[in-house]
Amino acid sequence: MLSKRVKENELKKAQRHDSDTGSPEAQVTLLTRKIEELSKHLRKNKKDFHSRRGLLQMVADRRKHLGYMQRKNYDSYLDIIKKLGLKR
């Protein structure tokens, strides 16, 4: 789980405007950070299958958002991929 401070810092990277929390860019950024944190947890706790299921759901959700961005606004898709260091 991300703290409020970490979440705010991550949102600043991808917000369209000051109060933006729902744009695909912001959601992909937050999901990426949550995935990183949960992956770190799962490296230590290999048998935590419930958290593994949540991780797979987050990865699928991020993938859907990225697919939407790729269809609707390809330039912003390329920008967020580059910022977050994700592969196409």
N, C-alpha and C. Protein backbone atom coordinates (compact mmCIF):
# COMPACT_ATOMS: atom_id res chain seq x y z
N MET A 1 0.84 -1.18 0.00
CA MET A 1 0.00 0.00 0.00
C MET A 1 0.88 1.24 0.00
N LEU A 2 0.51 2.21 -0.79
CA LEU A 2 1.29 3.43 -0.90
C LEU A 2 0.82 4.46 0.12
N SER A 3 1.78 5.17 0.70
CA SER A 3 1.41 6.23 1.63
C SER A 3 0.89 7.43 0.83
N LYS A 4 0.23 8.31 1.52
CA LYS A 4 -0.37 9.48 0.87
C LYS A 4 0.70 10.34 0.20
N ARG A 5 1.83 10.49 0.87
CA ARG A 5 2.92 11.32 0.34
C ARG A 5 3.49 10.71 -0.94
N VAL A 6 3.71 9.40 -0.94
CA VAL A 6 4.25 8.72 -2.12
C VAL A 6 3.27 8.82 -3.27
N LYS A 7 1.99 8.64 -2.97
CA LYS A 7 0.96 8.71 -4.00
C LYS A 7 0.90 10.10 -4.63
N GLU A 8 1.00 11.14 -3.81
CA GLU A 8 0.99 12.51 -4.33
C GLU A 8 2.20 12.77 -5.21
N ASN A 9 3.37 12.29 -4.79
CA ASN A 9 4.58 12.48 -5.60
C ASN A 9 4.48 11.77 -6.93
N GLU A 10 3.92 10.57 -6.94
CA GLU A 10 3.76 9.83 -8.19
C GLU A 10 2.75 10.51 -9.11
N LEU A 11 1.67 11.04 -8.53
CA LEU A 11 0.65 11.70 -9.34
C LEU A 11 1.19 12.97 -10.01
N LYS A 12 2.09 13.66 -9.33
CA LYS A 12 2.65 14.89 -9.90
C LYS A 12 3.39 14.63 -11.21
N LYS A 13 3.89 13.42 -11.37
CA LYS A 13 4.63 13.07 -12.58
C LYS A 13 3.74 13.00 -13.82
N ALA A 14 2.46 12.66 -13.63
CA ALA A 14 1.63 12.37 -14.79
C ALA A 14 0.31 13.12 -14.84
N GLN A 15 0.08 14.06 -13.94
CA GLN A 15 -1.20 14.76 -13.92
C GLN A 15 -1.35 15.69 -15.11
N ARG A 16 -2.58 15.79 -15.60
CA ARG A 16 -2.90 16.74 -16.67
C ARG A 16 -3.11 18.14 -16.08
N HIS A 17 -3.71 18.18 -14.88
CA HIS A 17 -3.91 19.44 -14.15
C HIS A 17 -3.78 19.14 -12.67
N ASP A 18 -3.89 20.14 -11.83
CA ASP A 18 -3.58 20.00 -10.40
C ASP A 18 -4.43 18.97 -9.66
N SER A 19 -5.69 18.87 -9.99
CA SER A 19 -6.56 17.95 -9.24
C SER A 19 -6.85 16.66 -10.01
N ASP A 20 -6.02 16.33 -10.99
CA ASP A 20 -6.24 15.16 -11.83
C ASP A 20 -5.81 13.88 -11.11
N THR A 21 -6.77 12.97 -10.91
CA THR A 21 -6.45 11.66 -10.35
C THR A 21 -7.04 10.54 -11.20
N GLY A 22 -7.88 10.88 -12.17
CA GLY A 22 -8.60 9.85 -12.91
C GLY A 22 -8.17 9.65 -14.34
N SER A 23 -7.26 10.47 -14.84
CA SER A 23 -6.84 10.30 -16.23
C SER A 23 -6.07 8.98 -16.37
N PRO A 24 -6.07 8.41 -17.55
CA PRO A 24 -5.34 7.15 -17.75
C PRO A 24 -3.85 7.27 -17.39
N GLU A 25 -3.26 8.42 -17.67
CA GLU A 25 -1.84 8.61 -17.35
C GLU A 25 -1.60 8.51 -15.85
N ALA A 26 -2.47 9.17 -15.08
CA ALA A 26 -2.32 9.15 -13.62
C ALA A 26 -2.57 7.74 -13.08
N GLN A 27 -3.56 7.06 -13.61
CA GLN A 27 -3.86 5.72 -13.12
C GLN A 27 -2.75 4.74 -13.45
N VAL A 28 -2.19 4.84 -14.65
CA VAL A 28 -1.08 3.96 -15.03
C VAL A 28 0.13 4.21 -14.14
N THR A 29 0.39 5.46 -13.82
CA THR A 29 1.52 5.80 -12.96
C THR A 29 1.35 5.19 -11.57
N LEU A 30 0.15 5.34 -10.99
CA LEU A 30 -0.09 4.78 -9.66
C LEU A 30 -0.05 3.25 -9.68
N LEU A 31 -0.63 2.66 -10.71
CA LEU A 31 -0.61 1.20 -10.80
C LEU A 31 0.82 0.68 -10.93
N THR A 32 1.64 1.38 -11.68
CA THR A 32 3.03 0.95 -11.86
C THR A 32 3.75 0.98 -10.52
N ARG A 33 3.55 2.02 -9.74
CA ARG A 33 4.21 2.11 -8.43
C ARG A 33 3.71 1.02 -7.49
N LYS A 34 2.38 0.75 -7.52
CA LYS A 34 1.82 -0.31 -6.67
C LYS A 34 2.38 -1.68 -7.09
N ILE A 35 2.52 -1.89 -8.38
CA ILE A 35 3.05 -3.15 -8.89
C ILE A 35 4.49 -3.34 -8.44
N GLU A 36 5.27 -2.28 -8.48
CA GLU A 36 6.66 -2.35 -8.02
C GLU A 36 6.72 -2.72 -6.53
N GLU A 37 5.89 -2.09 -5.72
CA GLU A 37 5.88 -2.36 -4.28
C GLU A 37 5.45 -3.80 -3.99
N LEU A 38 4.40 -4.24 -4.67
CA LEU A 38 3.91 -5.59 -4.43
C LEU A 38 4.88 -6.65 -4.94
N SER A 39 5.57 -6.36 -6.02
CA SER A 39 6.59 -7.28 -6.53
C SER A 39 7.71 -7.45 -5.53
N LYS A 40 8.09 -6.35 -4.90
CA LYS A 40 9.12 -6.40 -3.87
C LYS A 40 8.66 -7.28 -2.69
N HIS A 41 7.41 -7.13 -2.31
CA HIS A 41 6.84 -7.93 -1.22
C HIS A 41 6.85 -9.42 -1.60
N LEU A 42 6.50 -9.72 -2.84
CA LEU A 42 6.40 -11.12 -3.26
C LEU A 42 7.76 -11.79 -3.41
N ARG A 43 8.80 -11.01 -3.62
CA ARG A 43 10.14 -11.61 -3.65
C ARG A 43 10.52 -12.17 -2.29
N LYS A 44 10.06 -11.50 -1.22
CA LYS A 44 10.35 -11.95 0.13
C LYS A 44 9.37 -13.04 0.58
N ASN A 45 8.11 -12.94 0.16
CA ASN A 45 7.05 -13.84 0.61
C ASN A 45 6.55 -14.65 -0.58
N LYS A 46 7.29 -15.65 -0.95
CA LYS A 46 7.01 -16.41 -2.16
C LYS A 46 5.68 -17.17 -2.14
N LYS A 47 5.18 -17.49 -0.97
CA LYS A 47 3.96 -18.28 -0.88
C LYS A 47 2.70 -17.44 -0.63
N ASP A 48 2.79 -16.15 -0.78
CA ASP A 48 1.64 -15.27 -0.58
C ASP A 48 0.83 -15.22 -1.88
N PHE A 49 0.00 -16.23 -2.08
CA PHE A 49 -0.72 -16.38 -3.33
C PHE A 49 -1.88 -15.39 -3.46
N HIS A 50 -2.42 -14.94 -2.36
CA HIS A 50 -3.50 -13.95 -2.43
C HIS A 50 -2.98 -12.61 -2.95
N SER A 51 -1.80 -12.22 -2.50
CA SER A 51 -1.21 -10.98 -3.01
C SER A 51 -0.79 -11.14 -4.46
N ARG A 52 -0.36 -12.33 -4.82
CA ARG A 52 0.03 -12.60 -6.21
C ARG A 52 -1.17 -12.40 -7.14
N ARG A 53 -2.34 -12.84 -6.69
CA ARG A 53 -3.55 -12.66 -7.49
C ARG A 53 -3.87 -11.17 -7.66
N GLY A 54 -3.71 -10.41 -6.59
CA GLY A 54 -3.93 -8.96 -6.67
C GLY A 54 -2.94 -8.31 -7.62
N LEU A 55 -1.69 -8.79 -7.60
CA LEU A 55 -0.68 -8.26 -8.51
C LEU A 55 -1.08 -8.52 -9.97
N LEU A 56 -1.54 -9.72 -10.25
CA LEU A 56 -1.95 -10.05 -11.62
C LEU A 56 -3.14 -9.19 -12.07
N GLN A 57 -4.04 -8.90 -11.14
CA GLN A 57 -5.17 -8.04 -11.47
C GLN A 57 -4.70 -6.62 -11.78
N MET A 58 -3.73 -6.12 -11.00
CA MET A 58 -3.21 -4.77 -11.25
C MET A 58 -2.49 -4.70 -12.59
N VAL A 59 -1.73 -5.74 -12.92
CA VAL A 59 -1.01 -5.77 -14.20
C VAL A 59 -2.01 -5.77 -15.35
N ALA A 60 -3.09 -6.55 -15.22
CA ALA A 60 -4.11 -6.58 -16.26
C ALA A 60 -4.80 -5.22 -16.39
N ASP A 61 -5.07 -4.58 -15.27
CA ASP A 61 -5.72 -3.27 -15.28
C ASP A 61 -4.82 -2.23 -15.96
N ARG A 62 -3.54 -2.26 -15.62
CA ARG A 62 -2.59 -1.32 -16.24
C ARG A 62 -2.51 -1.57 -17.74
N ARG A 63 -2.53 -2.83 -18.12
CA ARG A 63 -2.46 -3.17 -19.54
C ARG A 63 -3.68 -2.65 -20.29
N LYS A 64 -4.86 -2.74 -19.67
CA LYS A 64 -6.08 -2.21 -20.29
C LYS A 64 -5.99 -0.70 -20.46
N HIS A 65 -5.52 -0.01 -19.43
CA HIS A 65 -5.37 1.45 -19.52
C HIS A 65 -4.38 1.83 -20.62
N LEU A 66 -3.29 1.10 -20.71
CA LEU A 66 -2.29 1.39 -21.75
C LEU A 66 -2.86 1.13 -23.14
N GLY A 67 -3.65 0.09 -23.29
CA GLY A 67 -4.30 -0.19 -24.57
C GLY A 67 -5.25 0.93 -24.97
N TYR A 68 -6.00 1.43 -23.99
CA TYR A 68 -6.90 2.54 -24.23
C TYR A 68 -6.11 3.78 -24.68
N MET A 69 -5.02 4.06 -23.96
CA MET A 69 -4.21 5.23 -24.30
C MET A 69 -3.60 5.08 -25.69
N GLN A 70 -3.20 3.87 -26.04
CA GLN A 70 -2.58 3.63 -27.34
C GLN A 70 -3.58 3.90 -28.46
N ARG A 71 -4.85 3.54 -28.24
CA ARG A 71 -5.88 3.78 -29.25
C ARG A 71 -6.29 5.24 -29.33
N LYS A 72 -6.44 5.90 -28.17
CA LYS A 72 -7.02 7.24 -28.13
C LYS A 72 -6.00 8.37 -28.29
N ASN A 73 -4.83 8.23 -27.69
CA ASN A 73 -3.84 9.30 -27.73
C ASN A 73 -2.44 8.69 -27.75
N TYR A 74 -1.97 8.37 -28.94
CA TYR A 74 -0.73 7.62 -29.08
C TYR A 74 0.48 8.39 -28.55
N ASP A 75 0.49 9.71 -28.73
CA ASP A 75 1.62 10.51 -28.24
C ASP A 75 1.74 10.45 -26.72
N SER A 76 0.62 10.55 -26.03
CA SER A 76 0.65 10.48 -24.57
C SER A 76 1.02 9.07 -24.12
N TYR A 77 0.61 8.06 -24.88
CA TYR A 77 0.99 6.68 -24.60
C TYR A 77 2.50 6.51 -24.67
N LEU A 78 3.11 7.02 -25.72
CA LEU A 78 4.57 6.92 -25.87
C LEU A 78 5.28 7.67 -24.76
N ASP A 79 4.73 8.82 -24.38
CA ASP A 79 5.34 9.64 -23.33
C ASP A 79 5.32 8.91 -21.98
N ILE A 80 4.19 8.31 -21.63
CA ILE A 80 4.08 7.64 -20.33
C ILE A 80 4.93 6.37 -20.31
N ILE A 81 5.01 5.68 -21.42
CA ILE A 81 5.86 4.49 -21.50
C ILE A 81 7.33 4.87 -21.26
N LYS A 82 7.72 5.96 -21.85
CA LYS A 82 9.10 6.43 -21.69
C LYS A 82 9.37 6.89 -20.27
N LYS A 83 8.44 7.64 -19.67
CA LYS A 83 8.61 8.14 -18.30
C LYS A 83 8.72 7.01 -17.28
N LEU A 84 7.90 5.98 -17.46
CA LEU A 84 7.84 4.90 -16.48
C LEU A 84 8.84 3.78 -16.78
N GLY A 85 9.44 3.81 -17.95
CA GLY A 85 10.41 2.78 -18.30
C GLY A 85 9.77 1.45 -18.61
N LEU A 86 8.57 1.48 -19.16
CA LEU A 86 7.88 0.24 -19.52
C LEU A 86 8.23 -0.14 -20.96
N LYS A 87 8.11 -1.41 -21.25
CA LYS A 87 8.36 -1.87 -22.62
C LYS A 87 7.05 -1.89 -23.39
N ARG A 88 7.15 -1.67 -24.69
CA ARG A 88 5.95 -1.72 -25.52
C ARG A 88 5.64 -3.12 -25.91
